[in-house]
């Protein structure tokens, strides 16, 4: 009887492994097949406008990519966009989280309104800002400038990258606010009350109590936003199309332009491989940083 009970769990585990195997195979194929094809095409001469030139290219696609001035401009724009949005969303998200943690009339409605932009699709958000807010003739900013006697600003022509940064920050600020507000609400109020009774002011409480408590939440916000901000595309495509010139061309838009505008699949694949490597390097250091903070 005891031997039968010992054999039963083994008999149950074996079919369970076979049942999970198809899902594992599908997930691996879903990830590996596109990656392998991208790497393969990056070593090929593959231009849709000149199919007769197909063949093994070696490192020519990578050499052309790194010697192209547009690549370094797009890399710089990607880093500027990433760092600017992170600073704006983390700083404003922290301040708004502390503000919305305080009791005031209509706080729940204000929280919903502050978080709602995160649920707007990037294409729709870009169109709203392009046509309703930043348009020099019909936009709200132009009307306000004219009301105070100033000349309206053509934001996407004069400050293209700053305009894209503003749009992306507006989209991701609610996400940072949501995570940081949850962290602020988990802070022990008795600790802050004790600090207040000891004579600590509002700034001292924020610097020495609230901010250290938010360090883990800030790390999570930075990690998640970094992963998505490296692939910003819709906002640039809808508003500036990478211009004027290459002023707002980031790495994602450069790959799109190579593949679907210049029909250079090999060059675009090389750019995709470089983007994958950069994203994994960034993710590696971010994950290690978050893991160290969680162990403390």
Protein backbone atom coordinates (compact mmCIF):
# COMPACT_ATOMS: atom_id res chain seq x y z
CA UNK A 1 0.00 0.00 0.00
CA UNK A 2 2.84 2.34 0.85
CA UNK A 3 4.66 1.52 -2.41
CA UNK A 4 1.52 2.34 -4.37
CA UNK A 5 1.25 5.72 -2.69
CA UNK A 6 4.91 6.40 -3.45
CA UNK A 7 4.54 5.55 -7.13
CA UNK A 8 1.41 7.62 -7.66
CA UNK A 9 3.09 11.07 -7.47
CA UNK A 10 5.72 9.97 -9.99
CA UNK A 11 3.01 8.81 -12.36
CA UNK A 12 1.30 12.19 -12.08
CA UNK A 13 4.43 14.26 -12.63
CA UNK A 14 5.44 12.62 -15.90
CA UNK A 15 2.30 13.55 -17.89
CA UNK A 16 2.42 17.04 -16.39
CA UNK A 17 5.83 17.65 -17.92
CA UNK A 18 4.61 16.54 -21.34
CA UNK A 19 1.58 18.82 -21.05
CA UNK A 20 3.77 21.85 -20.33
CA UNK A 21 6.28 21.03 -23.08
CA UNK A 22 4.17 22.31 -26.04
CA UNK A 23 3.79 25.69 -24.37
CA UNK A 24 7.51 25.90 -23.70
CA UNK A 25 8.29 24.98 -27.30
CA UNK A 26 5.88 27.61 -28.65
CA UNK A 27 7.35 30.31 -26.39
CA UNK A 28 10.90 29.40 -27.38
CA UNK A 29 9.99 29.40 -31.07
CA UNK A 30 8.17 32.71 -30.63
CA UNK A 31 11.34 34.31 -29.24
CA UNK A 32 14.15 32.46 -30.99
CA UNK A 33 12.91 32.29 -34.59
CA UNK A 34 12.59 36.09 -35.11
CA UNK A 35 15.92 36.64 -33.36
CA UNK A 36 17.71 34.05 -35.50
CA UNK A 37 16.17 35.46 -38.69
CA UNK A 38 17.21 39.00 -37.73
CA UNK A 39 20.78 37.90 -37.08
CA UNK A 40 20.80 35.92 -40.36
CA UNK A 41 19.55 38.85 -42.46
CA UNK A 42 22.08 41.17 -40.79
CA UNK A 43 24.84 39.18 -42.51
CA UNK A 44 23.13 39.24 -45.91
CA UNK A 45 22.87 41.67 -48.80
CA UNK A 46 19.08 41.90 -48.90
CA UNK A 47 17.51 44.95 -50.51
CA UNK A 48 13.95 44.63 -51.80
CA UNK A 49 14.70 47.04 -54.64
CA UNK A 50 17.72 45.02 -55.80
CA UNK A 51 17.01 41.33 -55.17
CA UNK A 52 19.74 40.30 -57.63
CA UNK A 53 22.44 41.53 -55.23
CA UNK A 54 21.47 39.03 -52.54
CA UNK A 55 24.29 37.11 -50.91
CA UNK A 56 26.52 36.85 -47.89
CA UNK A 57 27.64 40.29 -46.72
CA UNK A 58 29.80 39.41 -43.75
CA UNK A 59 30.21 42.45 -41.53
CA UNK A 60 29.50 44.98 -44.30
CA UNK A 61 26.05 45.85 -42.94
CA UNK A 62 27.48 46.51 -39.49
CA UNK A 63 30.37 48.52 -40.92
CA UNK A 64 27.99 50.64 -42.97
CA UNK A 65 25.80 51.13 -39.89
CA UNK A 66 28.52 52.31 -37.51
CA UNK A 67 30.11 54.56 -40.14
CA UNK A 68 26.78 56.21 -40.95
CA UNK A 69 26.47 59.59 -39.16
CA UNK A 70 22.72 59.03 -38.82
CA UNK A 71 23.38 56.04 -36.58
CA UNK A 72 25.31 58.06 -34.01
CA UNK A 73 22.77 60.88 -34.16
CA UNK A 74 19.95 58.39 -33.59
CA UNK A 75 21.86 56.81 -30.70
CA UNK A 76 22.40 60.22 -29.13
CA UNK A 77 18.72 61.12 -29.57
CA UNK A 78 17.72 57.80 -28.02
CA UNK A 79 19.86 58.43 -24.95
CA UNK A 80 18.71 62.06 -24.63
CA UNK A 81 15.07 61.02 -24.94
CA UNK A 82 15.53 58.19 -22.44
CA UNK A 83 17.38 60.18 -19.81
CA UNK A 84 15.14 63.26 -20.12
CA UNK A 85 11.90 61.32 -19.78
CA UNK A 86 13.27 59.34 -16.83
CA UNK A 87 14.30 62.51 -14.98
CA UNK A 88 10.99 64.26 -15.66
CA UNK A 89 8.76 61.31 -14.75
CA UNK A 90 10.70 60.29 -11.63
CA UNK A 91 11.04 63.82 -10.23
CA UNK A 92 7.48 64.94 -11.00
CA UNK A 93 6.10 61.50 -10.14
CA UNK A 94 7.72 61.63 -6.70
CA UNK A 95 6.46 65.15 -6.01
CA UNK A 96 2.93 64.33 -7.21
CA UNK A 97 2.89 61.09 -5.21
CA UNK A 98 3.70 63.01 -2.02
CA UNK A 99 1.08 65.63 -2.94
CA UNK A 100 -1.69 63.13 -3.69
CA UNK A 101 -0.95 61.31 -0.43
CA UNK A 102 -2.12 64.40 1.46
CA UNK A 103 -5.86 64.76 2.17
CA UNK A 104 -7.61 67.50 0.18
CA UNK A 105 -11.10 67.91 -1.34
CA UNK A 106 -11.56 65.93 -4.56
CA UNK A 107 -8.40 63.88 -4.05
CA UNK A 108 -9.84 60.69 -5.55
CA UNK A 109 -11.03 62.50 -8.68
CA UNK A 110 -7.65 64.21 -9.02
CA UNK A 111 -5.88 60.85 -8.78
CA UNK A 112 -8.02 59.36 -11.55
CA UNK A 113 -7.45 62.37 -13.80
CA UNK A 114 -3.69 62.29 -13.17
CA UNK A 115 -3.39 58.59 -13.99
CA UNK A 116 -5.73 58.56 -17.01
CA UNK A 117 -3.17 59.73 -19.67
CA UNK A 118 -1.32 56.43 -19.25
CA UNK A 119 -4.27 54.60 -20.83
CA UNK A 120 -4.28 56.71 -24.00
CA UNK A 121 -2.67 55.04 -27.02
CA UNK A 122 0.64 56.62 -28.08
CA UNK A 123 -0.67 57.45 -31.55
CA UNK A 124 -3.72 59.21 -30.14
CA UNK A 125 -1.62 61.07 -27.57
CA UNK A 126 0.76 62.25 -30.28
CA UNK A 127 -2.14 63.48 -32.43
CA UNK A 128 -3.67 65.34 -29.48
CA UNK A 129 -0.44 67.15 -28.72
CA UNK A 130 0.36 67.82 -32.37
CA UNK A 131 -3.02 69.21 -33.43
CA UNK A 132 -4.72 70.41 -30.25
CA UNK A 133 -1.87 71.59 -28.05
CA UNK A 134 1.29 72.49 -30.00
CA UNK A 135 -0.11 73.57 -33.34
CA UNK A 136 1.08 77.16 -33.92
CA UNK A 137 -2.29 78.30 -35.33
CA UNK A 138 -4.99 76.06 -33.88
CA UNK A 139 -3.25 74.81 -30.73
CA UNK A 140 -3.86 75.79 -27.14
CA UNK A 141 -0.27 76.96 -26.63
CA UNK A 142 -0.52 79.23 -29.67
CA UNK A 143 -3.80 80.73 -28.43
CA UNK A 144 -2.32 81.39 -24.98
CA UNK A 145 0.77 83.00 -26.54
CA UNK A 146 -1.38 85.27 -28.71
CA UNK A 147 -3.54 86.18 -25.73
CA UNK A 148 -0.44 87.52 -23.93
CA UNK A 149 0.85 89.26 -27.04
CA UNK A 150 3.59 86.77 -27.95
CA UNK A 151 4.31 85.13 -31.28
CA UNK A 152 3.12 81.48 -31.42
CA UNK A 153 5.89 78.89 -31.45
CA UNK A 154 6.06 76.14 -34.05
CA UNK A 155 7.19 73.56 -31.53
CA UNK A 156 7.91 70.65 -33.87
CA UNK A 157 9.96 72.86 -36.20
CA UNK A 158 11.90 74.89 -33.62
CA UNK A 159 12.11 72.45 -30.69
CA UNK A 160 11.38 69.01 -32.22
CA UNK A 161 13.18 66.74 -29.76
CA UNK A 162 11.97 68.70 -26.73
CA UNK A 163 8.41 68.41 -28.06
CA UNK A 164 8.69 64.63 -28.39
CA UNK A 165 10.18 64.44 -24.88
CA UNK A 166 7.23 66.43 -23.53
CA UNK A 167 4.72 64.08 -25.18
CA UNK A 168 6.42 60.90 -24.00
CA UNK A 169 6.84 62.32 -20.49
CA UNK A 170 3.13 63.17 -20.38
CA UNK A 171 2.35 59.57 -21.31
CA UNK A 172 4.67 57.93 -18.75
CA UNK A 173 4.27 60.33 -15.82
CA UNK A 174 1.01 58.63 -14.71
CA UNK A 175 2.78 55.26 -14.58
CA UNK A 176 5.52 56.65 -12.34
CA UNK A 177 2.89 58.40 -10.22
CA UNK A 178 0.90 55.18 -9.78
CA UNK A 179 3.91 53.13 -8.64
CA UNK A 180 5.34 55.85 -6.41
CA UNK A 181 1.98 56.74 -4.88
CA UNK A 182 1.49 53.11 -3.90
CA UNK A 183 4.93 53.14 -2.28
CA UNK A 184 4.22 56.39 -0.43
CA UNK A 185 0.97 54.98 0.94
CA UNK A 186 2.88 52.00 2.36
CA UNK A 187 5.10 54.31 4.44
CA UNK A 188 4.52 54.08 8.17
CA UNK A 189 2.79 57.30 9.23
CA UNK A 190 3.92 56.79 12.82
CA UNK A 191 7.52 57.11 11.66
CA UNK A 192 6.81 60.45 10.05
CA UNK A 193 4.83 61.59 13.08
CA UNK A 194 7.75 60.71 15.34
CA UNK A 195 10.11 62.67 13.11
CA UNK A 196 7.76 65.64 13.17
CA UNK A 197 7.57 65.55 16.97
CA UNK A 198 11.40 65.49 17.08
CA UNK A 199 11.43 68.76 15.16
CA UNK A 200 12.02 67.53 11.61
CA UNK A 201 10.52 69.84 9.00
CA UNK A 202 8.69 68.89 5.84
CA UNK A 203 11.86 68.92 3.71
CA UNK A 204 13.82 66.90 6.25
CA UNK A 205 11.05 64.29 6.43
CA UNK A 206 11.01 64.03 2.64
CA UNK A 207 14.81 63.73 2.29
CA UNK A 208 15.52 61.35 5.17
CA UNK A 209 12.31 59.29 5.40
CA UNK A 210 10.16 59.45 2.26
CA UNK A 211 12.92 59.42 -0.36
CA UNK A 212 14.84 56.42 1.06
CA UNK A 213 11.54 54.55 1.34
CA UNK A 214 10.85 55.24 -2.35
CA UNK A 215 14.28 54.06 -3.58
CA UNK A 216 13.08 50.57 -4.54
CA UNK A 217 9.94 51.90 -6.24
CA UNK A 218 12.02 54.45 -8.15
CA UNK A 219 14.34 51.64 -9.29
CA UNK A 220 11.36 49.64 -10.59
CA UNK A 221 10.02 52.71 -12.44
CA UNK A 222 13.41 53.36 -14.03
CA UNK A 223 13.83 49.74 -15.13
CA UNK A 224 10.36 49.36 -16.68
CA UNK A 225 10.37 52.76 -18.36
CA UNK A 226 13.86 52.21 -19.77
CA UNK A 227 12.78 49.01 -21.49
CA UNK A 228 9.87 50.75 -23.21
CA UNK A 229 11.51 54.12 -23.87
CA UNK A 230 14.25 52.47 -25.91
CA UNK A 231 11.55 51.56 -28.45
CA UNK A 232 9.63 54.86 -28.72
CA UNK A 233 8.30 55.06 -32.26
CA UNK A 234 4.66 56.09 -32.65
CA UNK A 235 5.12 59.55 -31.14
CA UNK A 236 7.99 60.31 -33.52
CA UNK A 237 6.27 58.83 -36.56
CA UNK A 238 3.06 60.80 -36.03
CA UNK A 239 4.57 64.16 -35.10
CA UNK A 240 7.95 64.69 -36.82
CA UNK A 241 8.72 61.55 -38.88
CA UNK A 242 12.25 61.72 -37.51
CA UNK A 243 12.81 65.31 -38.62
CA UNK A 244 13.52 68.03 -39.26
CA UNK A 245 16.42 66.23 -40.89
CA UNK A 246 17.36 63.65 -38.28
CA UNK A 247 16.72 65.83 -35.22
CA UNK A 248 14.23 63.37 -33.70
CA UNK A 249 15.40 60.13 -35.29
CA UNK A 250 16.01 57.56 -32.59
CA UNK A 251 17.29 54.02 -33.04
CA UNK A 252 13.83 52.52 -33.48
CA UNK A 253 12.87 55.04 -36.17
CA UNK A 254 16.22 54.58 -37.93
CA UNK A 255 15.58 50.83 -38.20
CA UNK A 256 12.08 51.52 -39.53
CA UNK A 257 13.46 53.96 -42.12
CA UNK A 258 16.09 51.48 -43.30
CA UNK A 259 13.62 48.62 -43.59
CA UNK A 260 10.42 50.21 -44.90
CA UNK A 261 11.59 53.43 -46.54
CA UNK A 262 14.94 52.39 -48.01
CA UNK A 263 13.97 48.68 -48.28
CA UNK A 264 17.39 47.69 -46.92
CA UNK A 265 16.46 44.62 -44.91
CA UNK A 266 20.08 43.66 -44.26
CA UNK A 267 21.02 47.08 -42.90
CA UNK A 268 17.85 47.30 -40.84
CA UNK A 269 18.50 43.85 -39.38
CA UNK A 270 22.03 44.93 -38.40
CA UNK A 271 20.49 47.92 -36.64
CA UNK A 272 18.03 45.61 -34.92
CA UNK A 273 20.83 43.38 -33.63
CA UNK A 274 22.69 46.43 -32.28
CA UNK A 275 19.49 47.63 -30.60
CA UNK A 276 18.98 44.20 -29.01
CA UNK A 277 22.53 44.18 -27.68
CA UNK A 278 22.19 47.70 -26.23
CA UNK A 279 18.83 46.90 -24.65
CA UNK A 280 20.19 43.74 -23.03
CA UNK A 281 23.23 45.58 -21.67
CA UNK A 282 21.01 48.24 -20.13
CA UNK A 283 18.58 45.63 -18.78
CA UNK A 284 21.44 43.61 -17.27
CA UNK A 285 22.76 46.51 -15.20
CA UNK A 286 19.26 47.66 -14.22
CA UNK A 287 18.22 44.20 -13.05
CA UNK A 288 21.43 43.83 -11.02
CA UNK A 289 20.86 47.24 -9.45
CA UNK A 290 17.27 46.39 -8.54
CA UNK A 291 18.32 43.00 -7.17
CA UNK A 292 20.90 44.61 -4.87
CA UNK A 293 18.29 47.01 -3.51
CA UNK A 294 15.83 44.20 -2.88
CA UNK A 295 18.45 42.25 -0.94
CA UNK A 296 19.11 45.16 1.43
